[in-house]
N, C-alpha and C. Protein backbone atom coordinates (compact mmCIF):
# COMPACT_ATOMS: atom_id res chain seq x y z
N MET A 1 -3.37 16.54 -14.72
CA MET A 1 -3.12 15.13 -14.38
C MET A 1 -4.04 14.72 -13.24
N ASN A 2 -4.74 13.59 -13.41
CA ASN A 2 -5.59 13.13 -12.32
C ASN A 2 -4.75 12.50 -11.21
N PHE A 3 -5.40 12.25 -10.08
CA PHE A 3 -4.65 11.81 -8.91
C PHE A 3 -3.93 10.49 -9.14
N THR A 4 -4.63 9.51 -9.71
CA THR A 4 -4.02 8.18 -9.82
C THR A 4 -2.86 8.15 -10.81
N SER A 5 -2.87 9.03 -11.80
CA SER A 5 -1.71 9.09 -12.71
C SER A 5 -0.46 9.48 -11.93
N LYS A 6 -0.62 10.49 -11.08
CA LYS A 6 0.51 10.91 -10.25
C LYS A 6 0.88 9.82 -9.24
N ALA A 7 -0.13 9.23 -8.63
CA ALA A 7 0.13 8.20 -7.62
C ALA A 7 0.85 7.00 -8.21
N ASN A 8 0.38 6.52 -9.36
CA ASN A 8 1.01 5.35 -9.98
C ASN A 8 2.45 5.63 -10.39
N SER A 9 2.72 6.85 -10.81
CA SER A 9 4.08 7.23 -11.16
C SER A 9 5.00 7.16 -9.94
N ILE A 10 4.50 7.63 -8.80
CA ILE A 10 5.29 7.60 -7.57
C ILE A 10 5.49 6.16 -7.10
N LEU A 11 4.43 5.36 -7.15
CA LEU A 11 4.54 3.96 -6.73
C LEU A 11 5.58 3.22 -7.56
N GLN A 12 5.54 3.44 -8.87
CA GLN A 12 6.51 2.78 -9.74
C GLN A 12 7.92 3.26 -9.46
N GLU A 13 8.04 4.55 -9.15
CA GLU A 13 9.34 5.13 -8.81
C GLU A 13 9.93 4.45 -7.57
N VAL A 14 9.09 4.23 -6.58
CA VAL A 14 9.53 3.57 -5.35
C VAL A 14 9.99 2.14 -5.64
N ILE A 15 9.18 1.40 -6.36
CA ILE A 15 9.47 0.00 -6.63
C ILE A 15 10.76 -0.14 -7.44
N ASN A 16 10.92 0.71 -8.43
CA ASN A 16 12.15 0.67 -9.23
C ASN A 16 13.37 1.01 -8.38
N THR A 17 13.23 2.01 -7.53
CA THR A 17 14.35 2.42 -6.67
C THR A 17 14.73 1.31 -5.71
N TYR A 18 13.73 0.68 -5.10
CA TYR A 18 14.01 -0.43 -4.17
C TYR A 18 14.81 -1.53 -4.86
N HIS A 19 14.43 -1.87 -6.07
CA HIS A 19 15.03 -3.03 -6.73
C HIS A 19 16.41 -2.75 -7.32
N VAL A 20 16.88 -1.53 -7.24
CA VAL A 20 18.27 -1.26 -7.63
C VAL A 20 19.21 -1.98 -6.68
N VAL A 21 18.95 -1.87 -5.38
CA VAL A 21 19.74 -2.57 -4.36
C VAL A 21 19.10 -3.91 -4.03
N ASN A 22 17.77 -3.90 -3.91
CA ASN A 22 16.98 -5.12 -3.75
C ASN A 22 17.30 -5.89 -2.47
N THR A 23 17.43 -5.17 -1.37
CA THR A 23 17.59 -5.81 -0.06
C THR A 23 16.65 -5.13 0.93
N VAL A 24 16.12 -5.91 1.87
CA VAL A 24 15.13 -5.37 2.80
C VAL A 24 15.74 -4.42 3.83
N ASP A 25 17.05 -4.50 4.02
CA ASP A 25 17.69 -3.66 5.04
C ASP A 25 18.40 -2.44 4.46
N GLN A 26 18.13 -2.12 3.21
CA GLN A 26 18.76 -0.95 2.61
C GLN A 26 18.20 0.33 3.24
N PRO A 27 18.99 1.40 3.30
CA PRO A 27 18.50 2.65 3.89
C PRO A 27 17.39 3.26 3.05
N PHE A 28 16.49 3.95 3.73
CA PHE A 28 15.36 4.61 3.06
C PHE A 28 15.57 6.11 3.05
N THR A 29 15.37 6.71 1.89
CA THR A 29 15.40 8.16 1.76
C THR A 29 14.16 8.60 0.99
N ASN A 30 13.37 9.46 1.60
CA ASN A 30 12.18 9.97 0.91
C ASN A 30 12.59 11.17 0.06
N ILE A 31 12.37 11.07 -1.23
CA ILE A 31 12.83 12.12 -2.14
C ILE A 31 11.86 13.30 -2.21
N TYR A 32 10.73 13.18 -1.54
CA TYR A 32 9.73 14.26 -1.55
C TYR A 32 9.71 14.96 -0.19
N ASP A 33 9.66 16.28 -0.24
CA ASP A 33 9.67 17.08 0.97
C ASP A 33 8.31 17.04 1.65
N GLU A 34 8.31 16.79 2.94
CA GLU A 34 7.06 16.64 3.68
C GLU A 34 6.25 17.93 3.72
N LYS A 35 6.92 19.07 3.73
CA LYS A 35 6.21 20.35 3.83
C LYS A 35 5.65 20.79 2.49
N ASP A 36 6.43 20.64 1.44
CA ASP A 36 6.03 21.17 0.14
C ASP A 36 5.31 20.16 -0.74
N GLN A 37 5.53 18.87 -0.48
CA GLN A 37 4.93 17.82 -1.32
C GLN A 37 4.40 16.71 -0.42
N LEU A 38 3.43 17.07 0.41
CA LEU A 38 3.00 16.15 1.46
C LEU A 38 2.42 14.85 0.92
N ILE A 39 1.49 14.93 -0.03
CA ILE A 39 0.87 13.69 -0.49
C ILE A 39 1.89 12.82 -1.23
N GLU A 40 2.78 13.45 -1.97
CA GLU A 40 3.84 12.68 -2.64
C GLU A 40 4.75 12.01 -1.60
N HIS A 41 5.06 12.75 -0.56
CA HIS A 41 5.89 12.24 0.54
C HIS A 41 5.22 11.02 1.20
N LEU A 42 3.93 11.12 1.45
CA LEU A 42 3.19 10.03 2.09
C LEU A 42 3.09 8.81 1.18
N LEU A 43 2.81 9.04 -0.09
CA LEU A 43 2.70 7.92 -1.03
C LEU A 43 4.03 7.20 -1.19
N TYR A 44 5.11 7.96 -1.23
CA TYR A 44 6.44 7.37 -1.38
C TYR A 44 6.77 6.49 -0.18
N ARG A 45 6.51 7.02 1.01
CA ARG A 45 6.79 6.26 2.23
C ARG A 45 5.90 5.02 2.32
N LYS A 46 4.62 5.20 1.99
CA LYS A 46 3.67 4.08 2.05
C LYS A 46 4.12 2.93 1.14
N CYS A 47 4.47 3.25 -0.08
CA CYS A 47 4.85 2.20 -1.02
C CYS A 47 6.18 1.56 -0.63
N TRP A 48 7.08 2.33 -0.02
CA TRP A 48 8.34 1.73 0.43
C TRP A 48 8.07 0.67 1.51
N ILE A 49 7.20 1.01 2.44
CA ILE A 49 6.82 0.04 3.48
C ILE A 49 6.24 -1.22 2.84
N ASP A 50 5.34 -1.04 1.88
CA ASP A 50 4.72 -2.18 1.21
C ASP A 50 5.75 -3.02 0.47
N THR A 51 6.71 -2.36 -0.16
CA THR A 51 7.71 -3.07 -0.95
C THR A 51 8.64 -3.89 -0.07
N VAL A 52 9.08 -3.30 1.02
CA VAL A 52 9.93 -4.05 1.96
C VAL A 52 9.15 -5.23 2.53
N GLN A 53 7.90 -4.99 2.90
CA GLN A 53 7.11 -6.08 3.48
C GLN A 53 6.85 -7.19 2.46
N TRP A 54 6.67 -6.83 1.21
CA TRP A 54 6.51 -7.85 0.16
C TRP A 54 7.68 -8.83 0.21
N HIS A 55 8.88 -8.29 0.36
CA HIS A 55 10.07 -9.14 0.36
C HIS A 55 10.28 -9.84 1.71
N TYR A 56 9.84 -9.21 2.79
CA TYR A 56 9.81 -9.93 4.07
C TYR A 56 8.97 -11.21 3.92
N GLU A 57 7.82 -11.07 3.27
CA GLU A 57 6.91 -12.21 3.13
C GLU A 57 7.52 -13.31 2.27
N ASP A 58 8.33 -12.92 1.28
CA ASP A 58 9.05 -13.93 0.49
C ASP A 58 10.05 -14.68 1.37
N ILE A 59 10.81 -13.92 2.14
CA ILE A 59 11.89 -14.51 2.93
C ILE A 59 11.34 -15.48 3.98
N ILE A 60 10.27 -15.07 4.65
CA ILE A 60 9.77 -15.89 5.77
C ILE A 60 9.16 -17.21 5.28
N ARG A 61 8.87 -17.30 3.99
CA ARG A 61 8.32 -18.54 3.44
C ARG A 61 9.39 -19.53 3.00
N ASP A 62 10.65 -19.17 3.20
CA ASP A 62 11.75 -20.09 2.91
C ASP A 62 11.65 -21.29 3.85
N PRO A 63 11.44 -22.51 3.33
CA PRO A 63 11.29 -23.67 4.22
C PRO A 63 12.55 -23.97 5.03
N GLN A 64 13.69 -23.42 4.61
CA GLN A 64 14.94 -23.67 5.31
C GLN A 64 15.31 -22.55 6.29
N ILE A 65 14.41 -21.61 6.48
CA ILE A 65 14.75 -20.47 7.34
C ILE A 65 14.99 -20.93 8.78
N ASP A 66 15.98 -20.34 9.40
CA ASP A 66 16.27 -20.64 10.80
C ASP A 66 15.10 -20.16 11.67
N PRO A 67 14.63 -20.98 12.61
CA PRO A 67 13.47 -20.60 13.44
C PRO A 67 13.67 -19.29 14.19
N VAL A 68 14.87 -19.05 14.68
CA VAL A 68 15.14 -17.80 15.41
C VAL A 68 15.05 -16.61 14.45
N ALA A 69 15.62 -16.79 13.26
CA ALA A 69 15.55 -15.73 12.26
C ALA A 69 14.10 -15.49 11.83
N ALA A 70 13.33 -16.57 11.74
CA ALA A 70 11.92 -16.45 11.35
C ALA A 70 11.13 -15.65 12.39
N LEU A 71 11.42 -15.90 13.66
CA LEU A 71 10.72 -15.16 14.71
C LEU A 71 11.08 -13.68 14.67
N THR A 72 12.36 -13.40 14.45
CA THR A 72 12.80 -12.01 14.33
C THR A 72 12.10 -11.33 13.16
N LEU A 73 12.02 -12.06 12.05
CA LEU A 73 11.37 -11.51 10.86
C LEU A 73 9.87 -11.32 11.08
N LYS A 74 9.26 -12.24 11.82
CA LYS A 74 7.83 -12.09 12.13
C LYS A 74 7.58 -10.81 12.91
N ARG A 75 8.48 -10.48 13.82
CA ARG A 75 8.36 -9.23 14.58
C ARG A 75 8.46 -8.03 13.63
N LYS A 76 9.36 -8.13 12.66
CA LYS A 76 9.51 -7.04 11.69
C LYS A 76 8.25 -6.89 10.84
N ILE A 77 7.65 -8.01 10.47
CA ILE A 77 6.42 -7.97 9.68
C ILE A 77 5.29 -7.33 10.50
N ASP A 78 5.20 -7.69 11.77
CA ASP A 78 4.19 -7.08 12.64
C ASP A 78 4.38 -5.56 12.72
N ALA A 79 5.63 -5.14 12.90
CA ALA A 79 5.92 -3.70 12.98
C ALA A 79 5.61 -3.02 11.65
N SER A 80 5.92 -3.70 10.56
CA SER A 80 5.65 -3.15 9.23
C SER A 80 4.15 -3.00 8.99
N ASN A 81 3.38 -3.99 9.43
CA ASN A 81 1.92 -3.89 9.30
C ASN A 81 1.37 -2.69 10.06
N GLN A 82 1.93 -2.43 11.23
CA GLN A 82 1.49 -1.27 12.00
C GLN A 82 1.87 0.02 11.29
N ASP A 83 3.09 0.07 10.74
CA ASP A 83 3.52 1.25 9.98
C ASP A 83 2.62 1.47 8.77
N ARG A 84 2.27 0.38 8.11
CA ARG A 84 1.39 0.47 6.93
C ARG A 84 0.04 1.06 7.31
N THR A 85 -0.53 0.58 8.40
CA THR A 85 -1.82 1.10 8.85
C THR A 85 -1.71 2.57 9.24
N ASP A 86 -0.63 2.92 9.92
CA ASP A 86 -0.42 4.32 10.30
C ASP A 86 -0.34 5.22 9.06
N MET A 87 0.36 4.75 8.02
CA MET A 87 0.49 5.56 6.81
C MET A 87 -0.85 5.73 6.11
N VAL A 88 -1.68 4.69 6.12
CA VAL A 88 -3.02 4.82 5.55
C VAL A 88 -3.79 5.92 6.28
N GLU A 89 -3.67 5.95 7.59
CA GLU A 89 -4.38 6.96 8.36
C GLU A 89 -3.83 8.36 8.10
N TYR A 90 -2.51 8.47 7.90
CA TYR A 90 -1.92 9.77 7.55
C TYR A 90 -2.45 10.25 6.20
N ILE A 91 -2.55 9.32 5.24
CA ILE A 91 -3.04 9.70 3.91
C ILE A 91 -4.50 10.12 3.98
N ASP A 92 -5.30 9.38 4.74
CA ASP A 92 -6.69 9.80 4.91
C ASP A 92 -6.77 11.16 5.61
N GLY A 93 -5.85 11.40 6.55
CA GLY A 93 -5.81 12.70 7.21
C GLY A 93 -5.54 13.82 6.22
N TYR A 94 -4.68 13.54 5.25
CA TYR A 94 -4.41 14.53 4.20
C TYR A 94 -5.69 14.88 3.45
N PHE A 95 -6.46 13.86 3.08
CA PHE A 95 -7.68 14.11 2.32
C PHE A 95 -8.76 14.77 3.18
N LEU A 96 -8.84 14.39 4.44
CA LEU A 96 -9.80 15.04 5.34
C LEU A 96 -9.53 16.54 5.41
N LYS A 97 -8.26 16.89 5.50
CA LYS A 97 -7.90 18.31 5.55
C LYS A 97 -8.16 18.99 4.21
N LYS A 98 -7.83 18.29 3.13
CA LYS A 98 -8.01 18.85 1.79
C LYS A 98 -9.48 19.17 1.51
N PHE A 99 -10.37 18.30 2.00
CA PHE A 99 -11.80 18.47 1.72
C PHE A 99 -12.57 19.03 2.92
N ALA A 100 -11.86 19.59 3.87
CA ALA A 100 -12.49 20.05 5.11
C ALA A 100 -13.56 21.11 4.88
N ASN A 101 -13.40 21.92 3.84
CA ASN A 101 -14.34 23.02 3.60
C ASN A 101 -15.45 22.66 2.62
N ILE A 102 -15.48 21.39 2.22
CA ILE A 102 -16.55 20.94 1.32
C ILE A 102 -17.79 20.60 2.13
N THR A 103 -18.91 21.17 1.75
CA THR A 103 -20.18 20.84 2.41
C THR A 103 -20.89 19.75 1.61
N PRO A 104 -21.03 18.57 2.18
CA PRO A 104 -21.71 17.50 1.45
C PRO A 104 -23.15 17.88 1.12
N LYS A 105 -23.62 17.44 -0.02
CA LYS A 105 -25.01 17.65 -0.40
C LYS A 105 -25.92 16.83 0.52
N ASP A 106 -27.17 17.23 0.59
CA ASP A 106 -28.13 16.48 1.41
C ASP A 106 -28.24 15.03 0.93
N SER A 107 -28.01 14.83 -0.35
CA SER A 107 -28.12 13.49 -0.94
C SER A 107 -26.79 12.73 -0.91
N ALA A 108 -25.77 13.33 -0.31
CA ALA A 108 -24.44 12.71 -0.31
C ALA A 108 -24.45 11.36 0.39
N LYS A 109 -23.66 10.45 -0.14
CA LYS A 109 -23.55 9.11 0.42
C LYS A 109 -22.12 8.86 0.89
N ILE A 110 -22.01 7.95 1.83
CA ILE A 110 -20.68 7.56 2.31
C ILE A 110 -20.16 6.41 1.46
N ASN A 111 -18.86 6.36 1.29
CA ASN A 111 -18.23 5.25 0.57
C ASN A 111 -17.80 4.20 1.58
N SER A 112 -17.89 2.94 1.20
CA SER A 112 -17.53 1.87 2.14
C SER A 112 -16.03 1.82 2.40
N GLU A 113 -15.25 2.43 1.52
CA GLU A 113 -13.79 2.42 1.64
C GLU A 113 -13.28 3.85 1.55
N SER A 114 -12.38 4.21 2.44
CA SER A 114 -11.82 5.56 2.40
C SER A 114 -10.83 5.67 1.24
N PRO A 115 -10.50 6.90 0.81
CA PRO A 115 -9.52 7.05 -0.27
C PRO A 115 -8.20 6.34 0.02
N ALA A 116 -7.72 6.45 1.25
CA ALA A 116 -6.40 5.88 1.55
C ALA A 116 -6.38 4.36 1.50
N TRP A 117 -7.48 3.72 1.90
CA TRP A 117 -7.50 2.26 1.82
C TRP A 117 -7.58 1.80 0.38
N ALA A 118 -8.22 2.59 -0.48
CA ALA A 118 -8.20 2.28 -1.91
C ALA A 118 -6.79 2.47 -2.48
N ILE A 119 -6.10 3.50 -2.01
CA ILE A 119 -4.72 3.74 -2.44
C ILE A 119 -3.81 2.62 -1.93
N ASP A 120 -4.10 2.10 -0.76
CA ASP A 120 -3.36 0.95 -0.25
C ASP A 120 -3.45 -0.21 -1.24
N ARG A 121 -4.63 -0.46 -1.75
CA ARG A 121 -4.79 -1.54 -2.74
C ARG A 121 -4.04 -1.21 -4.03
N LEU A 122 -4.00 0.07 -4.39
CA LEU A 122 -3.28 0.48 -5.60
C LEU A 122 -1.78 0.21 -5.45
N SER A 123 -1.26 0.45 -4.26
CA SER A 123 0.16 0.20 -3.99
C SER A 123 0.48 -1.29 -4.09
N ILE A 124 -0.37 -2.11 -3.51
CA ILE A 124 -0.15 -3.56 -3.57
C ILE A 124 -0.28 -4.06 -5.01
N LEU A 125 -1.21 -3.50 -5.75
CA LEU A 125 -1.36 -3.87 -7.16
C LEU A 125 -0.10 -3.54 -7.96
N ALA A 126 0.50 -2.40 -7.67
CA ALA A 126 1.73 -2.01 -8.36
C ALA A 126 2.82 -3.05 -8.12
N LEU A 127 2.90 -3.55 -6.90
CA LEU A 127 3.88 -4.59 -6.58
C LEU A 127 3.55 -5.91 -7.28
N LYS A 128 2.28 -6.27 -7.30
CA LYS A 128 1.89 -7.50 -7.99
C LYS A 128 2.23 -7.42 -9.48
N ILE A 129 1.96 -6.27 -10.07
CA ILE A 129 2.23 -6.09 -11.50
C ILE A 129 3.73 -6.16 -11.78
N TYR A 130 4.51 -5.50 -10.95
CA TYR A 130 5.97 -5.52 -11.13
C TYR A 130 6.51 -6.95 -11.08
N HIS A 131 6.11 -7.69 -10.07
CA HIS A 131 6.67 -9.02 -9.88
C HIS A 131 6.07 -10.04 -10.85
N MET A 132 4.82 -9.84 -11.25
CA MET A 132 4.25 -10.74 -12.25
C MET A 132 4.94 -10.51 -13.60
N ASN A 133 5.25 -9.26 -13.89
CA ASN A 133 5.97 -8.96 -15.13
C ASN A 133 7.37 -9.59 -15.11
N GLU A 134 8.00 -9.59 -13.94
CA GLU A 134 9.29 -10.28 -13.80
C GLU A 134 9.16 -11.76 -14.17
N GLU A 135 8.07 -12.38 -13.73
CA GLU A 135 7.86 -13.80 -14.03
C GLU A 135 7.63 -14.01 -15.53
N VAL A 136 6.92 -13.09 -16.15
CA VAL A 136 6.69 -13.19 -17.60
C VAL A 136 8.02 -13.15 -18.35
N GLU A 137 8.93 -12.30 -17.88
CA GLU A 137 10.19 -12.08 -18.59
C GLU A 137 11.34 -12.97 -18.12
N ARG A 138 11.09 -13.84 -17.17
CA ARG A 138 12.14 -14.73 -16.67
C ARG A 138 12.69 -15.63 -17.77
N LYS A 139 14.00 -15.58 -17.94
CA LYS A 139 14.62 -16.35 -19.03
C LYS A 139 14.65 -17.85 -18.73
N ASP A 140 14.65 -18.21 -17.45
CA ASP A 140 14.74 -19.64 -17.11
C ASP A 140 13.37 -20.28 -16.89
N ALA A 141 12.31 -19.53 -17.16
CA ALA A 141 10.96 -20.06 -16.97
C ALA A 141 10.49 -20.78 -18.23
N SER A 142 9.61 -21.75 -18.04
CA SER A 142 9.05 -22.47 -19.19
C SER A 142 8.08 -21.57 -19.94
N GLU A 143 7.79 -21.94 -21.18
CA GLU A 143 6.82 -21.18 -21.97
C GLU A 143 5.44 -21.22 -21.31
N ALA A 144 5.11 -22.36 -20.74
CA ALA A 144 3.80 -22.49 -20.08
C ALA A 144 3.71 -21.55 -18.88
N HIS A 145 4.80 -21.48 -18.11
CA HIS A 145 4.83 -20.58 -16.95
C HIS A 145 4.69 -19.13 -17.40
N SER A 146 5.45 -18.75 -18.41
CA SER A 146 5.40 -17.37 -18.90
C SER A 146 4.01 -17.02 -19.43
N ALA A 147 3.40 -17.97 -20.14
CA ALA A 147 2.07 -17.73 -20.70
C ALA A 147 1.03 -17.57 -19.59
N ALA A 148 1.13 -18.43 -18.58
CA ALA A 148 0.18 -18.35 -17.45
C ALA A 148 0.34 -17.03 -16.71
N CYS A 149 1.58 -16.61 -16.52
CA CYS A 149 1.83 -15.34 -15.82
C CYS A 149 1.40 -14.15 -16.67
N HIS A 150 1.52 -14.28 -17.98
CA HIS A 150 1.07 -13.20 -18.86
C HIS A 150 -0.44 -13.00 -18.74
N LYS A 151 -1.18 -14.09 -18.64
CA LYS A 151 -2.63 -13.99 -18.45
C LYS A 151 -2.96 -13.30 -17.13
N LYS A 152 -2.23 -13.68 -16.08
CA LYS A 152 -2.45 -13.06 -14.77
C LYS A 152 -2.09 -11.57 -14.81
N LEU A 153 -1.02 -11.25 -15.52
CA LEU A 153 -0.59 -9.85 -15.63
C LEU A 153 -1.67 -9.02 -16.33
N THR A 154 -2.28 -9.58 -17.35
CA THR A 154 -3.34 -8.88 -18.07
C THR A 154 -4.51 -8.56 -17.14
N VAL A 155 -4.85 -9.51 -16.28
CA VAL A 155 -5.94 -9.29 -15.32
C VAL A 155 -5.55 -8.21 -14.31
N LEU A 156 -4.31 -8.26 -13.83
CA LEU A 156 -3.84 -7.27 -12.86
C LEU A 156 -3.87 -5.86 -13.45
N LEU A 157 -3.46 -5.74 -14.70
CA LEU A 157 -3.47 -4.43 -15.36
C LEU A 157 -4.90 -3.91 -15.53
N GLU A 158 -5.81 -4.81 -15.85
CA GLU A 158 -7.22 -4.42 -15.96
C GLU A 158 -7.75 -4.00 -14.59
N GLN A 159 -7.36 -4.76 -13.57
CA GLN A 159 -7.80 -4.43 -12.21
C GLN A 159 -7.30 -3.05 -11.80
N ARG A 160 -6.05 -2.74 -12.15
CA ARG A 160 -5.51 -1.42 -11.81
C ARG A 160 -6.25 -0.31 -12.56
N ALA A 161 -6.54 -0.55 -13.82
CA ALA A 161 -7.27 0.46 -14.60
C ALA A 161 -8.63 0.74 -13.97
N ASP A 162 -9.32 -0.31 -13.54
CA ASP A 162 -10.62 -0.13 -12.88
C ASP A 162 -10.47 0.60 -11.55
N LEU A 163 -9.44 0.24 -10.80
CA LEU A 163 -9.22 0.88 -9.50
C LEU A 163 -8.85 2.35 -9.68
N ASN A 164 -8.08 2.66 -10.71
CA ASN A 164 -7.76 4.06 -11.01
C ASN A 164 -9.03 4.88 -11.17
N ILE A 165 -9.95 4.35 -11.97
CA ILE A 165 -11.21 5.05 -12.21
C ILE A 165 -11.99 5.22 -10.91
N ALA A 166 -12.04 4.15 -10.13
CA ALA A 166 -12.81 4.19 -8.88
C ALA A 166 -12.25 5.23 -7.91
N ILE A 167 -10.93 5.29 -7.79
CA ILE A 167 -10.30 6.26 -6.87
C ILE A 167 -10.52 7.68 -7.36
N ASP A 168 -10.28 7.92 -8.64
CA ASP A 168 -10.45 9.27 -9.18
C ASP A 168 -11.91 9.72 -9.07
N ASP A 169 -12.83 8.80 -9.33
CA ASP A 169 -14.26 9.13 -9.20
C ASP A 169 -14.61 9.44 -7.75
N LEU A 170 -14.07 8.65 -6.82
CA LEU A 170 -14.36 8.88 -5.40
C LEU A 170 -13.87 10.25 -4.96
N LEU A 171 -12.65 10.60 -5.33
CA LEU A 171 -12.11 11.91 -4.94
C LEU A 171 -12.92 13.05 -5.57
N GLN A 172 -13.33 12.85 -6.81
CA GLN A 172 -14.15 13.87 -7.47
C GLN A 172 -15.52 13.99 -6.80
N ASP A 173 -16.10 12.85 -6.41
CA ASP A 173 -17.40 12.87 -5.74
C ASP A 173 -17.32 13.55 -4.37
N ILE A 174 -16.22 13.33 -3.66
CA ILE A 174 -16.05 13.99 -2.36
C ILE A 174 -15.89 15.49 -2.56
N GLU A 175 -15.11 15.86 -3.56
CA GLU A 175 -14.87 17.28 -3.83
C GLU A 175 -16.14 18.00 -4.27
N SER A 176 -17.02 17.28 -4.97
CA SER A 176 -18.26 17.89 -5.45
C SER A 176 -19.38 17.82 -4.42
N GLY A 177 -19.14 17.10 -3.32
CA GLY A 177 -20.15 16.98 -2.28
C GLY A 177 -21.12 15.83 -2.48
N ASP A 178 -20.89 15.02 -3.52
CA ASP A 178 -21.78 13.88 -3.77
C ASP A 178 -21.51 12.72 -2.82
N LYS A 179 -20.30 12.69 -2.27
CA LYS A 179 -19.96 11.70 -1.24
C LYS A 179 -19.21 12.43 -0.13
N TYR A 180 -19.15 11.78 1.02
CA TYR A 180 -18.41 12.39 2.12
C TYR A 180 -17.52 11.35 2.78
N MET A 181 -16.46 11.84 3.39
CA MET A 181 -15.51 10.96 4.06
C MET A 181 -15.88 10.77 5.52
N LYS A 182 -15.73 9.56 5.97
CA LYS A 182 -15.84 9.26 7.39
C LYS A 182 -14.80 8.19 7.68
N VAL A 183 -13.85 8.53 8.53
CA VAL A 183 -12.69 7.66 8.74
C VAL A 183 -12.71 7.11 10.15
N TYR A 184 -12.51 5.81 10.26
CA TYR A 184 -12.38 5.15 11.56
C TYR A 184 -10.92 4.71 11.72
N LYS A 185 -10.34 5.01 12.85
CA LYS A 185 -8.99 4.54 13.12
C LYS A 185 -9.00 3.02 13.23
N GLN A 186 -7.97 2.40 12.69
CA GLN A 186 -7.85 0.95 12.77
C GLN A 186 -7.46 0.55 14.19
N MET A 187 -8.31 -0.19 14.83
CA MET A 187 -8.07 -0.56 16.23
C MET A 187 -7.44 -1.95 16.30
N LYS A 188 -6.17 -2.01 15.95
CA LYS A 188 -5.47 -3.30 15.99
C LYS A 188 -5.24 -3.70 17.44
N MET A 189 -5.70 -4.86 17.79
CA MET A 189 -5.68 -5.28 19.19
C MET A 189 -4.44 -6.09 19.55
N TYR A 190 -3.85 -6.77 18.56
CA TYR A 190 -2.79 -7.72 18.92
C TYR A 190 -1.47 -7.05 19.28
N ASN A 191 -1.31 -5.76 18.91
CA ASN A 191 -0.08 -5.04 19.29
C ASN A 191 -0.22 -4.27 20.59
N ASP A 192 -1.41 -4.27 21.16
CA ASP A 192 -1.70 -3.46 22.34
C ASP A 192 -1.60 -4.33 23.59
N ASP A 193 -0.71 -3.95 24.51
CA ASP A 193 -0.50 -4.79 25.69
C ASP A 193 -1.65 -4.71 26.69
N GLU A 194 -2.64 -3.86 26.42
CA GLU A 194 -3.84 -3.85 27.25
C GLU A 194 -4.96 -4.69 26.63
N LEU A 195 -4.90 -4.90 25.31
CA LEU A 195 -5.98 -5.60 24.61
C LEU A 195 -5.61 -7.03 24.24
N ASN A 196 -4.33 -7.30 24.07
CA ASN A 196 -3.88 -8.66 23.76
C ASN A 196 -3.68 -9.40 25.09
N PRO A 197 -4.45 -10.45 25.37
CA PRO A 197 -4.37 -11.11 26.68
C PRO A 197 -3.01 -11.73 26.96
N VAL A 198 -2.29 -12.15 25.91
CA VAL A 198 -0.96 -12.72 26.11
C VAL A 198 0.01 -11.65 26.59
N LEU A 199 -0.02 -10.49 25.92
CA LEU A 199 0.86 -9.39 26.33
C LEU A 199 0.46 -8.85 27.69
N ARG A 200 -0.84 -8.75 27.93
CA ARG A 200 -1.33 -8.23 29.20
C ARG A 200 -0.89 -9.12 30.36
N GLY A 201 -0.86 -10.42 30.12
CA GLY A 201 -0.48 -11.35 31.17
C GLY A 201 0.99 -11.29 31.53
N GLN A 202 1.80 -10.65 30.67
CA GLN A 202 3.23 -10.57 30.93
C GLN A 202 3.64 -9.25 31.57
N LYS A 203 2.66 -8.38 31.81
CA LYS A 203 2.98 -7.08 32.41
C LYS A 203 3.28 -7.22 33.91
């Protein structure tokens, strides 16, 4: 089984599990052991963060939302974004360790996107596909709405198929030494009380 087949299965598992209860404040349990199934553990956690944040974004767009509740939710979204970035870095760390003994060829090239950031897009695509399919199957939607969403769903599925190939090819190229990984930590400035001038001014 190639990597993306396994990854997509885990992503779908997360999304299906979330929607059983379908609330942003439901408890989270990672079904994969961190020691024995590290990449599965990381993918499961990553997609759970993405899924909760997807629904945070729905809630905060409610035009009737209470301003105080909206501010509280905005703080949760900020924290979720930081968690998401941290998980991407953990996943890249997994691949850096996995390929640590690979010697890149002299002709090896760097990829503009690390494996984990490509996987981040795969996770978001899984959510788009799930929710677009919901729109296609909505019983109270018009035929025109369902047809329009079906066209969008077809594009999303094609996009995922292309991304699957790109990710699997990238991992294979790194393993064969045709490409090499170089990871930069995401330097988010707005959460840092030394770099954000508003936060710094309140110290």
